Amino acid sequence: VYYCRSDYASGIGSWGQGTQVTVS
């Protein structure tokens, strides 16, 4: 599962909900 992340310079951050990547 790949998650997006953002950060302010202060260190406060947020996460996305994630998206599944499957490689066969």
PDBML (XML) file of the C-alpha atoms, coordinates in Angstrom:
<?xml version="1.0" encoding="UTF-8" ?>
<PDBx:datablock datablockName="MODEL"
   xmlns:PDBx="http://pdbml.pdb.org/schema/pdbx-v50.xsd"
   xmlns:xsi="http://www.w3.org/2001/XMLSchema-instance"
   xsi:schemaLocation="http://pdbml.pdb.org/schema/pdbx-v50.xsd pdbx-v50.xsd">
   <PDBx:atom_siteCategory>
      <PDBx:atom_site id="1">
         <PDBx:B_iso_or_equiv>0.00</PDBx:B_iso_or_equiv>
         <PDBx:Cartn_x>0.000</PDBx:Cartn_x>
         <PDBx:Cartn_y>0.000</PDBx:Cartn_y>
         <PDBx:Cartn_z>0.000</PDBx:Cartn_z>
         <PDBx:auth_asym_id>A</PDBx:auth_asym_id>
         <PDBx:auth_atom_id>CA</PDBx:auth_atom_id>
         <PDBx:auth_comp_id>VAL</PDBx:auth_comp_id>
         <PDBx:auth_seq_id>1</PDBx:auth_seq_id>
         <PDBx:group_PDB>ATOM</PDBx:group_PDB>
         <PDBx:label_alt_id xsi:nil="true" />
         <PDBx:label_asym_id>A</PDBx:label_asym_id>
         <PDBx:label_atom_id>CA</PDBx:label_atom_id>
         <PDBx:label_comp_id>VAL</PDBx:label_comp_id>
         <PDBx:label_entity_id>1</PDBx:label_entity_id>
         <PDBx:label_seq_id>1</PDBx:label_seq_id>
         <PDBx:occupancy>1.00</PDBx:occupancy>
         <PDBx:pdbx_PDB_model_num>1</PDBx:pdbx_PDB_model_num>
         <PDBx:type_symbol>C</PDBx:type_symbol>
      </PDBx:atom_site>
      <PDBx:atom_site id="2">
         <PDBx:B_iso_or_equiv>0.00</PDBx:B_iso_or_equiv>
         <PDBx:Cartn_x>1.471</PDBx:Cartn_x>
         <PDBx:Cartn_y>3.332</PDBx:Cartn_y>
         <PDBx:Cartn_z>-1.071</PDBx:Cartn_z>
         <PDBx:auth_asym_id>A</PDBx:auth_asym_id>
         <PDBx:auth_atom_id>CA</PDBx:auth_atom_id>
         <PDBx:auth_comp_id>TYR</PDBx:auth_comp_id>
         <PDBx:auth_seq_id>2</PDBx:auth_seq_id>
         <PDBx:group_PDB>ATOM</PDBx:group_PDB>
         <PDBx:label_alt_id xsi:nil="true" />
         <PDBx:label_asym_id>A</PDBx:label_asym_id>
         <PDBx:label_atom_id>CA</PDBx:label_atom_id>
         <PDBx:label_comp_id>TYR</PDBx:label_comp_id>
         <PDBx:label_entity_id>1</PDBx:label_entity_id>
         <PDBx:label_seq_id>2</PDBx:label_seq_id>
         <PDBx:occupancy>1.00</PDBx:occupancy>
         <PDBx:pdbx_PDB_model_num>1</PDBx:pdbx_PDB_model_num>
         <PDBx:type_symbol>C</PDBx:type_symbol>
      </PDBx:atom_site>
      <PDBx:atom_site id="3">
         <PDBx:B_iso_or_equiv>0.00</PDBx:B_iso_or_equiv>
         <PDBx:Cartn_x>0.712</PDBx:Cartn_x>
         <PDBx:Cartn_y>6.376</PDBx:Cartn_y>
         <PDBx:Cartn_z>1.083</PDBx:Cartn_z>
         <PDBx:auth_asym_id>A</PDBx:auth_asym_id>
         <PDBx:auth_atom_id>CA</PDBx:auth_atom_id>
         <PDBx:auth_comp_id>TYR</PDBx:auth_comp_id>
         <PDBx:auth_seq_id>3</PDBx:auth_seq_id>
         <PDBx:group_PDB>ATOM</PDBx:group_PDB>
         <PDBx:label_alt_id xsi:nil="true" />
         <PDBx:label_asym_id>A</PDBx:label_asym_id>
         <PDBx:label_atom_id>CA</PDBx:label_atom_id>
         <PDBx:label_comp_id>TYR</PDBx:label_comp_id>
         <PDBx:label_entity_id>1</PDBx:label_entity_id>
         <PDBx:label_seq_id>3</PDBx:label_seq_id>
         <PDBx:occupancy>1.00</PDBx:occupancy>
         <PDBx:pdbx_PDB_model_num>1</PDBx:pdbx_PDB_model_num>
         <PDBx:type_symbol>C</PDBx:type_symbol>
      </PDBx:atom_site>
      <PDBx:atom_site id="4">
         <PDBx:B_iso_or_equiv>0.00</PDBx:B_iso_or_equiv>
         <PDBx:Cartn_x>1.058</PDBx:Cartn_x>
         <PDBx:Cartn_y>10.048</PDBx:Cartn_y>
         <PDBx:Cartn_z>0.281</PDBx:Cartn_z>
         <PDBx:auth_asym_id>A</PDBx:auth_asym_id>
         <PDBx:auth_atom_id>CA</PDBx:auth_atom_id>
         <PDBx:auth_comp_id>CYS</PDBx:auth_comp_id>
         <PDBx:auth_seq_id>4</PDBx:auth_seq_id>
         <PDBx:group_PDB>ATOM</PDBx:group_PDB>
         <PDBx:label_alt_id xsi:nil="true" />
         <PDBx:label_asym_id>A</PDBx:label_asym_id>
         <PDBx:label_atom_id>CA</PDBx:label_atom_id>
         <PDBx:label_comp_id>CYS</PDBx:label_comp_id>
         <PDBx:label_entity_id>1</PDBx:label_entity_id>
         <PDBx:label_seq_id>4</PDBx:label_seq_id>
         <PDBx:occupancy>1.00</PDBx:occupancy>
         <PDBx:pdbx_PDB_model_num>1</PDBx:pdbx_PDB_model_num>
         <PDBx:type_symbol>C</PDBx:type_symbol>
      </PDBx:atom_site>
      <PDBx:atom_site id="5">
         <PDBx:B_iso_or_equiv>0.00</PDBx:B_iso_or_equiv>
         <PDBx:Cartn_x>2.615</PDBx:Cartn_x>
         <PDBx:Cartn_y>12.225</PDBx:Cartn_y>
         <PDBx:Cartn_z>2.987</PDBx:Cartn_z>
         <PDBx:auth_asym_id>A</PDBx:auth_asym_id>
         <PDBx:auth_atom_id>CA</PDBx:auth_atom_id>
         <PDBx:auth_comp_id>ARG</PDBx:auth_comp_id>
         <PDBx:auth_seq_id>5</PDBx:auth_seq_id>
         <PDBx:group_PDB>ATOM</PDBx:group_PDB>
         <PDBx:label_alt_id xsi:nil="true" />
         <PDBx:label_asym_id>A</PDBx:label_asym_id>
         <PDBx:label_atom_id>CA</PDBx:label_atom_id>
         <PDBx:label_comp_id>ARG</PDBx:label_comp_id>
         <PDBx:label_entity_id>1</PDBx:label_entity_id>
         <PDBx:label_seq_id>5</PDBx:label_seq_id>
         <PDBx:occupancy>1.00</PDBx:occupancy>
         <PDBx:pdbx_PDB_model_num>1</PDBx:pdbx_PDB_model_num>
         <PDBx:type_symbol>C</PDBx:type_symbol>
      </PDBx:atom_site>
      <PDBx:atom_site id="6">
         <PDBx:B_iso_or_equiv>0.00</PDBx:B_iso_or_equiv>
         <PDBx:Cartn_x>2.850</PDBx:Cartn_x>
         <PDBx:Cartn_y>15.991</PDBx:Cartn_y>
         <PDBx:Cartn_z>3.462</PDBx:Cartn_z>
         <PDBx:auth_asym_id>A</PDBx:auth_asym_id>
         <PDBx:auth_atom_id>CA</PDBx:auth_atom_id>
         <PDBx:auth_comp_id>SER</PDBx:auth_comp_id>
         <PDBx:auth_seq_id>6</PDBx:auth_seq_id>
         <PDBx:group_PDB>ATOM</PDBx:group_PDB>
         <PDBx:label_alt_id xsi:nil="true" />
         <PDBx:label_asym_id>A</PDBx:label_asym_id>
         <PDBx:label_atom_id>CA</PDBx:label_atom_id>
         <PDBx:label_comp_id>SER</PDBx:label_comp_id>
         <PDBx:label_entity_id>1</PDBx:label_entity_id>
         <PDBx:label_seq_id>6</PDBx:label_seq_id>
         <PDBx:occupancy>1.00</PDBx:occupancy>
         <PDBx:pdbx_PDB_model_num>1</PDBx:pdbx_PDB_model_num>
         <PDBx:type_symbol>C</PDBx:type_symbol>
      </PDBx:atom_site>
      <PDBx:atom_site id="7">
         <PDBx:B_iso_or_equiv>0.00</PDBx:B_iso_or_equiv>
         <PDBx:Cartn_x>4.844</PDBx:Cartn_x>
         <PDBx:Cartn_y>17.944</PDBx:Cartn_y>
         <PDBx:Cartn_z>6.032</PDBx:Cartn_z>
         <PDBx:auth_asym_id>A</PDBx:auth_asym_id>
         <PDBx:auth_atom_id>CA</PDBx:auth_atom_id>
         <PDBx:auth_comp_id>ASP</PDBx:auth_comp_id>
         <PDBx:auth_seq_id>7</PDBx:auth_seq_id>
         <PDBx:group_PDB>ATOM</PDBx:group_PDB>
         <PDBx:label_alt_id xsi:nil="true" />
         <PDBx:label_asym_id>A</PDBx:label_asym_id>
         <PDBx:label_atom_id>CA</PDBx:label_atom_id>
         <PDBx:label_comp_id>ASP</PDBx:label_comp_id>
         <PDBx:label_entity_id>1</PDBx:label_entity_id>
         <PDBx:label_seq_id>7</PDBx:label_seq_id>
         <PDBx:occupancy>1.00</PDBx:occupancy>
         <PDBx:pdbx_PDB_model_num>1</PDBx:pdbx_PDB_model_num>
         <PDBx:type_symbol>C</PDBx:type_symbol>
      </PDBx:atom_site>
      <PDBx:atom_site id="8">
         <PDBx:B_iso_or_equiv>0.00</PDBx:B_iso_or_equiv>
         <PDBx:Cartn_x>4.987</PDBx:Cartn_x>
         <PDBx:Cartn_y>21.542</PDBx:Cartn_y>
         <PDBx:Cartn_z>7.130</PDBx:Cartn_z>
         <PDBx:auth_asym_id>A</PDBx:auth_asym_id>
         <PDBx:auth_atom_id>CA</PDBx:auth_atom_id>
         <PDBx:auth_comp_id>TYR</PDBx:auth_comp_id>
         <PDBx:auth_seq_id>8</PDBx:auth_seq_id>
         <PDBx:group_PDB>ATOM</PDBx:group_PDB>
         <PDBx:label_alt_id xsi:nil="true" />
         <PDBx:label_asym_id>A</PDBx:label_asym_id>
         <PDBx:label_atom_id>CA</PDBx:label_atom_id>
         <PDBx:label_comp_id>TYR</PDBx:label_comp_id>
         <PDBx:label_entity_id>1</PDBx:label_entity_id>
         <PDBx:label_seq_id>8</PDBx:label_seq_id>
         <PDBx:occupancy>1.00</PDBx:occupancy>
         <PDBx:pdbx_PDB_model_num>1</PDBx:pdbx_PDB_model_num>
         <PDBx:type_symbol>C</PDBx:type_symbol>
      </PDBx:atom_site>
      <PDBx:atom_site id="9">
         <PDBx:B_iso_or_equiv>0.00</PDBx:B_iso_or_equiv>
         <PDBx:Cartn_x>8.364</PDBx:Cartn_x>
         <PDBx:Cartn_y>22.962</PDBx:Cartn_y>
         <PDBx:Cartn_z>8.115</PDBx:Cartn_z>
         <PDBx:auth_asym_id>A</PDBx:auth_asym_id>
         <PDBx:auth_atom_id>CA</PDBx:auth_atom_id>
         <PDBx:auth_comp_id>ALA</PDBx:auth_comp_id>
         <PDBx:auth_seq_id>9</PDBx:auth_seq_id>
         <PDBx:group_PDB>ATOM</PDBx:group_PDB>
         <PDBx:label_alt_id xsi:nil="true" />
         <PDBx:label_asym_id>A</PDBx:label_asym_id>
         <PDBx:label_atom_id>CA</PDBx:label_atom_id>
         <PDBx:label_comp_id>ALA</PDBx:label_comp_id>
         <PDBx:label_entity_id>1</PDBx:label_entity_id>
         <PDBx:label_seq_id>9</PDBx:label_seq_id>
         <PDBx:occupancy>1.00</PDBx:occupancy>
         <PDBx:pdbx_PDB_model_num>1</PDBx:pdbx_PDB_model_num>
         <PDBx:type_symbol>C</PDBx:type_symbol>
      </PDBx:atom_site>
      <PDBx:atom_site id="10">
         <PDBx:B_iso_or_equiv>0.00</PDBx:B_iso_or_equiv>
         <PDBx:Cartn_x>7.153</PDBx:Cartn_x>
         <PDBx:Cartn_y>22.748</PDBx:Cartn_y>
         <PDBx:Cartn_z>11.712</PDBx:Cartn_z>
         <PDBx:auth_asym_id>A</PDBx:auth_asym_id>
         <PDBx:auth_atom_id>CA</PDBx:auth_atom_id>
         <PDBx:auth_comp_id>SER</PDBx:auth_comp_id>
         <PDBx:auth_seq_id>10</PDBx:auth_seq_id>
         <PDBx:group_PDB>ATOM</PDBx:group_PDB>
         <PDBx:label_alt_id xsi:nil="true" />
         <PDBx:label_asym_id>A</PDBx:label_asym_id>
         <PDBx:label_atom_id>CA</PDBx:label_atom_id>
         <PDBx:label_comp_id>SER</PDBx:label_comp_id>
         <PDBx:label_entity_id>1</PDBx:label_entity_id>
         <PDBx:label_seq_id>10</PDBx:label_seq_id>
         <PDBx:occupancy>1.00</PDBx:occupancy>
         <PDBx:pdbx_PDB_model_num>1</PDBx:pdbx_PDB_model_num>
         <PDBx:type_symbol>C</PDBx:type_symbol>
      </PDBx:atom_site>
      <PDBx:atom_site id="11">
         <PDBx:B_iso_or_equiv>0.00</PDBx:B_iso_or_equiv>
         <PDBx:Cartn_x>6.983</PDBx:Cartn_x>
         <PDBx:Cartn_y>18.973</PDBx:Cartn_y>
         <PDBx:Cartn_z>11.399</PDBx:Cartn_z>
         <PDBx:auth_asym_id>A</PDBx:auth_asym_id>
         <PDBx:auth_atom_id>CA</PDBx:auth_atom_id>
         <PDBx:auth_comp_id>GLY</PDBx:auth_comp_id>
         <PDBx:auth_seq_id>11</PDBx:auth_seq_id>
         <PDBx:group_PDB>ATOM</PDBx:group_PDB>
         <PDBx:label_alt_id xsi:nil="true" />
         <PDBx:label_asym_id>A</PDBx:label_asym_id>
         <PDBx:label_atom_id>CA</PDBx:label_atom_id>
         <PDBx:label_comp_id>GLY</PDBx:label_comp_id>
         <PDBx:label_entity_id>1</PDBx:label_entity_id>
         <PDBx:label_seq_id>11</PDBx:label_seq_id>
         <PDBx:occupancy>1.00</PDBx:occupancy>
         <PDBx:pdbx_PDB_model_num>1</PDBx:pdbx_PDB_model_num>
         <PDBx:type_symbol>C</PDBx:type_symbol>
      </PDBx:atom_site>
      <PDBx:atom_site id="12">
         <PDBx:B_iso_or_equiv>0.00</PDBx:B_iso_or_equiv>
         <PDBx:Cartn_x>3.194</PDBx:Cartn_x>
         <PDBx:Cartn_y>18.733</PDBx:Cartn_y>
         <PDBx:Cartn_z>11.364</PDBx:Cartn_z>
         <PDBx:auth_asym_id>A</PDBx:auth_asym_id>
         <PDBx:auth_atom_id>CA</PDBx:auth_atom_id>
         <PDBx:auth_comp_id>ILE</PDBx:auth_comp_id>
         <PDBx:auth_seq_id>12</PDBx:auth_seq_id>
         <PDBx:group_PDB>ATOM</PDBx:group_PDB>
         <PDBx:label_alt_id xsi:nil="true" />
         <PDBx:label_asym_id>A</PDBx:label_asym_id>
         <PDBx:label_atom_id>CA</PDBx:label_atom_id>
         <PDBx:label_comp_id>ILE</PDBx:label_comp_id>
         <PDBx:label_entity_id>1</PDBx:label_entity_id>
         <PDBx:label_seq_id>12</PDBx:label_seq_id>
         <PDBx:occupancy>1.00</PDBx:occupancy>
         <PDBx:pdbx_PDB_model_num>1</PDBx:pdbx_PDB_model_num>
         <PDBx:type_symbol>C</PDBx:type_symbol>
      </PDBx:atom_site>
      <PDBx:atom_site id="13">
         <PDBx:B_iso_or_equiv>0.00</PDBx:B_iso_or_equiv>
         <PDBx:Cartn_x>2.229</PDBx:Cartn_x>
         <PDBx:Cartn_y>16.175</PDBx:Cartn_y>
         <PDBx:Cartn_z>8.762</PDBx:Cartn_z>
         <PDBx:auth_asym_id>A</PDBx:auth_asym_id>
         <PDBx:auth_atom_id>CA</PDBx:auth_atom_id>
         <PDBx:auth_comp_id>GLY</PDBx:auth_comp_id>
         <PDBx:auth_seq_id>13</PDBx:auth_seq_id>
         <PDBx:group_PDB>ATOM</PDBx:group_PDB>
         <PDBx:label_alt_id xsi:nil="true" />
         <PDBx:label_asym_id>A</PDBx:label_asym_id>
         <PDBx:label_atom_id>CA</PDBx:label_atom_id>
         <PDBx:label_comp_id>GLY</PDBx:label_comp_id>
         <PDBx:label_entity_id>1</PDBx:label_entity_id>
         <PDBx:label_seq_id>13</PDBx:label_seq_id>
         <PDBx:occupancy>1.00</PDBx:occupancy>
         <PDBx:pdbx_PDB_model_num>1</PDBx:pdbx_PDB_model_num>
         <PDBx:type_symbol>C</PDBx:type_symbol>
      </PDBx:atom_site>
      <PDBx:atom_site id="14">
         <PDBx:B_iso_or_equiv>0.00</PDBx:B_iso_or_equiv>
         <PDBx:Cartn_x>-0.683</PDBx:Cartn_x>
         <PDBx:Cartn_y>14.391</PDBx:Cartn_y>
         <PDBx:Cartn_z>7.142</PDBx:Cartn_z>
         <PDBx:auth_asym_id>A</PDBx:auth_asym_id>
         <PDBx:auth_atom_id>CA</PDBx:auth_atom_id>
         <PDBx:auth_comp_id>SER</PDBx:auth_comp_id>
         <PDBx:auth_seq_id>14</PDBx:auth_seq_id>
         <PDBx:group_PDB>ATOM</PDBx:group_PDB>
         <PDBx:label_alt_id xsi:nil="true" />
         <PDBx:label_asym_id>A</PDBx:label_asym_id>
         <PDBx:label_atom_id>CA</PDBx:label_atom_id>
         <PDBx:label_comp_id>SER</PDBx:label_comp_id>
         <PDBx:label_entity_id>1</PDBx:label_entity_id>
         <PDBx:label_seq_id>14</PDBx:label_seq_id>
         <PDBx:occupancy>1.00</PDBx:occupancy>
         <PDBx:pdbx_PDB_model_num>1</PDBx:pdbx_PDB_model_num>
         <PDBx:type_symbol>C</PDBx:type_symbol>
      </PDBx:atom_site>
      <PDBx:atom_site id="15">
         <PDBx:B_iso_or_equiv>0.00</PDBx:B_iso_or_equiv>
         <PDBx:Cartn_x>-1.249</PDBx:Cartn_x>
         <PDBx:Cartn_y>10.978</PDBx:Cartn_y>
         <PDBx:Cartn_z>5.595</PDBx:Cartn_z>
         <PDBx:auth_asym_id>A</PDBx:auth_asym_id>
         <PDBx:auth_atom_id>CA</PDBx:auth_atom_id>
         <PDBx:auth_comp_id>TRP</PDBx:auth_comp_id>
         <PDBx:auth_seq_id>15</PDBx:auth_seq_id>
         <PDBx:group_PDB>ATOM</PDBx:group_PDB>
         <PDBx:label_alt_id xsi:nil="true" />
         <PDBx:label_asym_id>A</PDBx:label_asym_id>
         <PDBx:label_atom_id>CA</PDBx:label_atom_id>
         <PDBx:label_comp_id>TRP</PDBx:label_comp_id>
         <PDBx:label_entity_id>1</PDBx:label_entity_id>
         <PDBx:label_seq_id>15</PDBx:label_seq_id>
         <PDBx:occupancy>1.00</PDBx:occupancy>
         <PDBx:pdbx_PDB_model_num>1</PDBx:pdbx_PDB_model_num>
         <PDBx:type_symbol>C</PDBx:type_symbol>
      </PDBx:atom_site>
      <PDBx:atom_site id="16">
         <PDBx:B_iso_or_equiv>0.00</PDBx:B_iso_or_equiv>
         <PDBx:Cartn_x>-3.403</PDBx:Cartn_x>
         <PDBx:Cartn_y>9.937</PDBx:Cartn_y>
         <PDBx:Cartn_z>2.703</PDBx:Cartn_z>
         <PDBx:auth_asym_id>A</PDBx:auth_asym_id>
         <PDBx:auth_atom_id>CA</PDBx:auth_atom_id>
         <PDBx:auth_comp_id>GLY</PDBx:auth_comp_id>
         <PDBx:auth_seq_id>16</PDBx:auth_seq_id>
         <PDBx:group_PDB>ATOM</PDBx:group_PDB>
         <PDBx:label_alt_id xsi:nil="true" />
         <PDBx:label_asym_id>A</PDBx:label_asym_id>
         <PDBx:label_atom_id>CA</PDBx:label_atom_id>
         <PDBx:label_comp_id>GLY</PDBx:label_comp_id>
         <PDBx:label_entity_id>1</PDBx:label_entity_id>
         <PDBx:label_seq_id>16</PDBx:label_seq_id>
         <PDBx:occupancy>1.00</PDBx:occupancy>
         <PDBx:pdbx_PDB_model_num>1</PDBx:pdbx_PDB_model_num>
         <PDBx:type_symbol>C</PDBx:type_symbol>
      </PDBx:atom_site>
      <PDBx:atom_site id="17">
         <PDBx:B_iso_or_equiv>0.00</PDBx:B_iso_or_equiv>
         <PDBx:Cartn_x>-5.587</PDBx:Cartn_x>
         <PDBx:Cartn_y>6.854</PDBx:Cartn_y>
         <PDBx:Cartn_z>2.866</PDBx:Cartn_z>
         <PDBx:auth_asym_id>A</PDBx:auth_asym_id>
         <PDBx:auth_atom_id>CA</PDBx:auth_atom_id>
         <PDBx:auth_comp_id>GLN</PDBx:auth_comp_id>
         <PDBx:auth_seq_id>17</PDBx:auth_seq_id>
         <PDBx:group_PDB>ATOM</PDBx:group_PDB>
         <PDBx:label_alt_id xsi:nil="true" />
         <PDBx:label_asym_id>A</PDBx:label_asym_id>
         <PDBx:label_atom_id>CA</PDBx:label_atom_id>
         <PDBx:label_comp_id>GLN</PDBx:label_comp_id>
         <PDBx:label_entity_id>1</PDBx:label_entity_id>
         <PDBx:label_seq_id>17</PDBx:label_seq_id>
         <PDBx:occupancy>1.00</PDBx:occupancy>
         <PDBx:pdbx_PDB_model_num>1</PDBx:pdbx_PDB_model_num>
         <PDBx:type_symbol>C</PDBx:type_symbol>
      </PDBx:atom_site>
      <PDBx:atom_site id="18">
         <PDBx:B_iso_or_equiv>0.00</PDBx:B_iso_or_equiv>
         <PDBx:Cartn_x>-3.271</PDBx:Cartn_x>
         <PDBx:Cartn_y>4.752</PDBx:Cartn_y>
         <PDBx:Cartn_z>0.710</PDBx:Cartn_z>
         <PDBx:auth_asym_id>A</PDBx:auth_asym_id>
         <PDBx:auth_atom_id>CA</PDBx:auth_atom_id>
         <PDBx:auth_comp_id>GLY</PDBx:auth_comp_id>
         <PDBx:auth_seq_id>18</PDBx:auth_seq_id>
         <PDBx:group_PDB>ATOM</PDBx:group_PDB>
         <PDBx:label_alt_id xsi:nil="true" />
         <PDBx:label_asym_id>A</PDBx:label_asym_id>
         <PDBx:label_atom_id>CA</PDBx:label_atom_id>
         <PDBx:label_comp_id>GLY</PDBx:label_comp_id>
         <PDBx:label_entity_id>1</PDBx:label_entity_id>
         <PDBx:label_seq_id>18</PDBx:label_seq_id>
         <PDBx:occupancy>1.00</PDBx:occupancy>
         <PDBx:pdbx_PDB_model_num>1</PDBx:pdbx_PDB_model_num>
         <PDBx:type_symbol>C</PDBx:type_symbol>
      </PDBx:atom_site>
      <PDBx:atom_site id="19">
         <PDBx:B_iso_or_equiv>0.00</PDBx:B_iso_or_equiv>
         <PDBx:Cartn_x>-3.555</PDBx:Cartn_x>
         <PDBx:Cartn_y>3.076</PDBx:Cartn_y>
         <PDBx:Cartn_z>-2.674</PDBx:Cartn_z>
         <PDBx:auth_asym_id>A</PDBx:auth_asym_id>
         <PDBx:auth_atom_id>CA</PDBx:auth_atom_id>
         <PDBx:auth_comp_id>THR</PDBx:auth_comp_id>
         <PDBx:auth_seq_id>19</PDBx:auth_seq_id>
         <PDBx:group_PDB>ATOM</PDBx:group_PDB>
         <PDBx:label_alt_id xsi:nil="true" />
         <PDBx:label_asym_id>A</PDBx:label_asym_id>
         <PDBx:label_atom_id>CA</PDBx:label_atom_id>
         <PDBx:label_comp_id>THR</PDBx:label_comp_id>
         <PDBx:label_entity_id>1</PDBx:label_entity_id>
         <PDBx:label_seq_id>19</PDBx:label_seq_id>
         <PDBx:occupancy>1.00</PDBx:occupancy>
         <PDBx:pdbx_PDB_model_num>1</PDBx:pdbx_PDB_model_num>
         <PDBx:type_symbol>C</PDBx:type_symbol>
      </PDBx:atom_site>
      <PDBx:atom_site id="20">
         <PDBx:B_iso_or_equiv>0.00</PDBx:B_iso_or_equiv>
         <PDBx:Cartn_x>-2.795</PDBx:Cartn_x>
         <PDBx:Cartn_y>-0.580</PDBx:Cartn_y>
         <PDBx:Cartn_z>-3.338</PDBx:Cartn_z>
         <PDBx:auth_asym_id>A</PDBx:auth_asym_id>
         <PDBx:auth_atom_id>CA</PDBx:auth_atom_id>
         <PDBx:auth_comp_id>GLN</PDBx:auth_comp_id>
         <PDBx:auth_seq_id>20</PDBx:auth_seq_id>
         <PDBx:group_PDB>ATOM</PDBx:group_PDB>
         <PDBx:label_alt_id xsi:nil="true" />
         <PDBx:label_asym_id>A</PDBx:label_asym_id>
         <PDBx:label_atom_id>CA</PDBx:label_atom_id>
         <PDBx:label_comp_id>GLN</PDBx:label_comp_id>
         <PDBx:label_entity_id>1</PDBx:label_entity_id>
         <PDBx:label_seq_id>20</PDBx:label_seq_id>
         <PDBx:occupancy>1.00</PDBx:occupancy>
         <PDBx:pdbx_PDB_model_num>1</PDBx:pdbx_PDB_model_num>
         <PDBx:type_symbol>C</PDBx:type_symbol>
      </PDBx:atom_site>
      <PDBx:atom_site id="21">
         <PDBx:B_iso_or_equiv>0.00</PDBx:B_iso_or_equiv>
         <PDBx:Cartn_x>-0.056</PDBx:Cartn_x>
         <PDBx:Cartn_y>-1.518</PDBx:Cartn_y>
         <PDBx:Cartn_z>-5.792</PDBx:Cartn_z>
         <PDBx:auth_asym_id>A</PDBx:auth_asym_id>
         <PDBx:auth_atom_id>CA</PDBx:auth_atom_id>
         <PDBx:auth_comp_id>VAL</PDBx:auth_comp_id>
         <PDBx:auth_seq_id>21</PDBx:auth_seq_id>
         <PDBx:group_PDB>ATOM</PDBx:group_PDB>
         <PDBx:label_alt_id xsi:nil="true" />
         <PDBx:label_asym_id>A</PDBx:label_asym_id>
         <PDBx:label_atom_id>CA</PDBx:label_atom_id>
         <PDBx:label_comp_id>VAL</PDBx:label_comp_id>
         <PDBx:label_entity_id>1</PDBx:label_entity_id>
         <PDBx:label_seq_id>21</PDBx:label_seq_id>
         <PDBx:occupancy>1.00</PDBx:occupancy>
         <PDBx:pdbx_PDB_model_num>1</PDBx:pdbx_PDB_model_num>
         <PDBx:type_symbol>C</PDBx:type_symbol>
      </PDBx:atom_site>
      <PDBx:atom_site id="22">
         <PDBx:B_iso_or_equiv>0.00</PDBx:B_iso_or_equiv>
         <PDBx:Cartn_x>0.191</PDBx:Cartn_x>
         <PDBx:Cartn_y>-5.191</PDBx:Cartn_y>
         <PDBx:Cartn_z>-6.706</PDBx:Cartn_z>
         <PDBx:auth_asym_id>A</PDBx:auth_asym_id>
         <PDBx:auth_atom_id>CA</PDBx:auth_atom_id>
         <PDBx:auth_comp_id>THR</PDBx:auth_comp_id>
         <PDBx:auth_seq_id>22</PDBx:auth_seq_id>
         <PDBx:group_PDB>ATOM</PDBx:group_PDB>
         <PDBx:label_alt_id xsi:nil="true" />
         <PDBx:label_asym_id>A</PDBx:label_asym_id>
         <PDBx:label_atom_id>CA</PDBx:label_atom_id>
         <PDBx:label_comp_id>THR</PDBx:label_comp_id>
         <PDBx:label_entity_id>1</PDBx:label_entity_id>
         <PDBx:label_seq_id>22</PDBx:label_seq_id>
         <PDBx:occupancy>1.00</PDBx:occupancy>
         <PDBx:pdbx_PDB_model_num>1</PDBx:pdbx_PDB_model_num>
         <PDBx:type_symbol>C</PDBx:type_symbol>
      </PDBx:atom_site>
      <PDBx:atom_site id="23">
         <PDBx:B_iso_or_equiv>0.00</PDBx:B_iso_or_equiv>
         <PDBx:Cartn_x>2.919</PDBx:Cartn_x>
         <PDBx:Cartn_y>-6.502</PDBx:Cartn_y>
         <PDBx:Cartn_z>-9.013</PDBx:Cartn_z>
         <PDBx:auth_asym_id>A</PDBx:auth_asym_id>
         <PDBx:auth_atom_id>CA</PDBx:auth_atom_id>
         <PDBx:auth_comp_id>VAL</PDBx:auth_comp_id>
         <PDBx:auth_seq_id>23</PDBx:auth_seq_id>
         <PDBx:group_PDB>ATOM</PDBx:group_PDB>
         <PDBx:label_alt_id xsi:nil="true" />
         <PDBx:label_asym_id>A</PDBx:label_asym_id>
         <PDBx:label_atom_id>CA</PDBx:label_atom_id>
         <PDBx:label_comp_id>VAL</PDBx:label_comp_id>
         <PDBx:label_entity_id>1</PDBx:label_entity_id>
         <PDBx:label_seq_id>23</PDBx:label_seq_id>
         <PDBx:occupancy>1.00</PDBx:occupancy>
         <PDBx:pdbx_PDB_model_num>1</PDBx:pdbx_PDB_model_num>
         <PDBx:type_symbol>C</PDBx:type_symbol>
      </PDBx:atom_site>
      <PDBx:atom_site id="24">
         <PDBx:B_iso_or_equiv>0.00</PDBx:B_iso_or_equiv>
         <PDBx:Cartn_x>2.387</PDBx:Cartn_x>
         <PDBx:Cartn_y>-10.002</PDBx:Cartn_y>
         <PDBx:Cartn_z>-10.341</PDBx:Cartn_z>
         <PDBx:auth_asym_id>A</PDBx:auth_asym_id>
         <PDBx:auth_atom_id>CA</PDBx:auth_atom_id>
         <PDBx:auth_comp_id>SER</PDBx:auth_comp_id>
         <PDBx:auth_seq_id>24</PDBx:auth_seq_id>
         <PDBx:group_PDB>ATOM</PDBx:group_PDB>
         <PDBx:label_alt_id xsi:nil="true" />
         <PDBx:label_asym_id>A</PDBx:label_asym_id>
         <PDBx:label_atom_id>CA</PDBx:label_atom_id>
         <PDBx:label_comp_id>SER</PDBx:label_comp_id>
         <PDBx:label_entity_id>1</PDBx:label_entity_id>
         <PDBx:label_seq_id>24</PDBx:label_seq_id>
         <PDBx:occupancy>1.00</PDBx:occupancy>
         <PDBx:pdbx_PDB_model_num>1</PDBx:pdbx_PDB_model_num>
         <PDBx:type_symbol>C</PDBx:type_symbol>
      </PDBx:atom_site>
   </PDBx:atom_siteCategory>
</PDBx:datablock>
